[in-house]
């Protein structure tokens, strides 16, 4: 029995310290794993928040784009009306000049007929 006890004692002296070291390393690794897991959860929450903010920004961009499209459409309508007014004014000037020429020709013809 003494050999058995001696062998057991020897094995305990050799193996138990290594088991204790492995247990402490296991505990450290567990703590690290928990720490990494918490950091990943924090990063995930941050990414979700960033995604939400990006979605809100995209909605604001879409709203501004719609407003700008409306404003450009209104501006184009105003430009079209202004063009029509300018064309009418130019036509008015031309018609006025033509009318002046016609009045002179009528006066000239009336003078010829009277003479």
Protein backbone atom coordinates (compact mmCIF):
# COMPACT_ATOMS: atom_id res chain seq x y z
CA UNK A 1 0.00 0.00 0.00
CA UNK A 2 2.85 2.28 0.64
CA UNK A 3 3.84 2.07 -3.01
CA UNK A 4 0.31 2.93 -4.00
CA UNK A 5 0.26 5.90 -1.62
CA UNK A 6 3.71 6.99 -2.76
CA UNK A 7 2.65 6.75 -6.39
CA UNK A 8 -0.55 8.66 -5.65
CA UNK A 9 1.39 11.29 -3.74
CA UNK A 10 3.89 11.60 -6.60
CA UNK A 11 1.14 11.94 -9.20
CA UNK A 12 -0.67 14.52 -7.09
CA UNK A 13 2.50 16.54 -6.70
CA UNK A 14 3.11 16.47 -10.47
CA UNK A 15 -0.41 16.78 -11.83
CA UNK A 16 -2.30 18.89 -9.28
CA UNK A 17 -0.16 22.03 -9.78
CA UNK A 18 -0.73 21.77 -13.52
CA UNK A 19 -4.47 21.34 -12.94
CA UNK A 20 -4.47 24.43 -10.74
CA UNK A 21 -2.57 26.35 -13.40
CA UNK A 22 -5.02 25.13 -16.05
CA UNK A 23 -7.96 26.16 -13.86
CA UNK A 24 -6.56 29.65 -13.34
CA UNK A 25 -5.83 29.98 -17.07
CA UNK A 26 -9.35 28.74 -17.79
CA UNK A 27 -10.74 31.40 -15.44
CA UNK A 28 -8.65 34.10 -17.15
CA UNK A 29 -9.80 32.91 -20.57
CA UNK A 30 -13.40 32.91 -19.35
CA UNK A 31 -13.01 36.52 -18.18
CA UNK A 32 -11.46 37.49 -21.50
CA UNK A 33 -14.24 35.76 -23.39
CA UNK A 34 -16.85 37.61 -21.33
CA UNK A 35 -15.03 40.87 -21.94
CA UNK A 36 -14.85 40.26 -25.69
CA UNK A 37 -18.51 39.23 -25.71
CA UNK A 38 -19.48 42.47 -23.94
CA UNK A 39 -17.40 44.52 -26.38
CA UNK A 40 -19.05 42.77 -29.32
CA UNK A 41 -22.47 43.50 -27.84
CA UNK A 42 -21.50 47.18 -27.42
CA UNK A 43 -20.21 47.33 -30.99
CA UNK A 44 -23.41 45.71 -32.23
CA UNK A 45 -25.51 48.30 -30.35
CA UNK A 46 -23.36 51.06 -31.82
CA UNK A 47 -23.83 49.66 -35.33
CA UNK A 48 -27.58 49.46 -34.84
CA UNK A 49 -27.60 53.10 -33.72
CA UNK A 50 -25.46 54.14 -36.68
CA UNK A 51 -27.78 52.27 -39.03
CA UNK A 52 -30.78 54.08 -37.54
CA UNK A 53 -29.05 57.44 -37.91
CA UNK A 54 -28.12 56.64 -41.51
CA UNK A 55 -31.75 55.76 -42.24
CA UNK A 56 -32.91 59.05 -40.71
CA UNK A 57 -30.33 60.96 -42.75
CA UNK A 58 -31.44 59.19 -45.92
CA UNK A 59 -35.06 60.14 -45.17
CA UNK A 60 -34.03 63.78 -44.70
CA UNK A 61 -32.05 63.67 -47.95
CA UNK A 62 -35.08 62.23 -49.77
CA UNK A 63 -37.29 64.97 -48.33
CA UNK A 64 -34.85 67.70 -49.36
CA UNK A 65 -34.52 66.15 -52.82
CA UNK A 66 -38.30 66.13 -53.23
CA UNK A 67 -38.47 69.76 -52.13
CA UNK A 68 -35.71 70.70 -54.57
CA UNK A 69 -37.42 68.86 -57.43
CA UNK A 70 -40.62 70.79 -56.65
CA UNK A 71 -38.72 74.07 -56.49
CA UNK A 72 -36.94 73.36 -59.78
CA UNK A 73 -40.29 72.55 -61.40
CA UNK A 74 -41.79 75.81 -60.15
CA UNK A 75 -38.72 77.75 -61.29
CA UNK A 76 -38.96 76.16 -64.74
CA UNK A 77 -42.62 77.19 -64.96
CA UNK A 78 -41.66 80.76 -64.06
CA UNK A 79 -38.90 80.73 -66.67
CA UNK A 80 -41.36 79.44 -69.27
CA UNK A 81 -43.82 82.24 -68.41
CA UNK A 82 -41.03 84.80 -68.51
CA UNK A 83 -39.98 83.49 -71.92
CA UNK A 84 -43.55 83.83 -73.16
CA UNK A 85 -43.69 87.42 -71.88
CA UNK A 86 -40.34 88.24 -73.50
CA UNK A 87 -41.43 86.70 -76.80
CA UNK A 88 -44.69 88.66 -76.65
CA UNK A 89 -42.76 91.87 -75.99
CA UNK A 90 -40.43 91.17 -78.89
CA UNK A 91 -43.42 90.38 -81.09
CA UNK A 92 -45.08 93.57 -79.84
CA UNK A 93 -42.03 95.61 -80.82
CA UNK A 94 -42.00 93.97 -84.25
CA UNK A 95 -45.75 94.48 -84.70
CA UNK A 96 -45.41 98.10 -83.60
CA UNK A 97 -42.59 98.65 -86.10
CA UNK A 98 -44.64 96.95 -88.84
CA UNK A 99 -47.65 99.12 -87.91
CA UNK A 100 -45.50 102.25 -88.12
CA UNK A 101 -44.25 101.16 -91.55
CA UNK A 102 -47.80 100.43 -92.71
CA UNK A 103 -49.04 103.81 -91.46
CA UNK A 104 -46.26 105.55 -93.41
CA UNK A 105 -47.10 103.59 -96.53
CA UNK A 106 -50.78 104.46 -96.14
CA UNK A 107 -49.90 108.14 -95.74
CA UNK A 108 -47.67 107.92 -98.79
CA UNK A 109 -50.42 106.23 -100.80
CA UNK A 110 -52.95 108.81 -99.64
CA UNK A 111 -50.61 111.59 -100.80
CA UNK A 112 -50.23 109.93 -104.18
CA UNK A 113 -53.97 109.53 -104.55
CA UNK A 114 -54.54 113.13 -103.51
CA UNK A 115 -51.99 114.41 -106.00
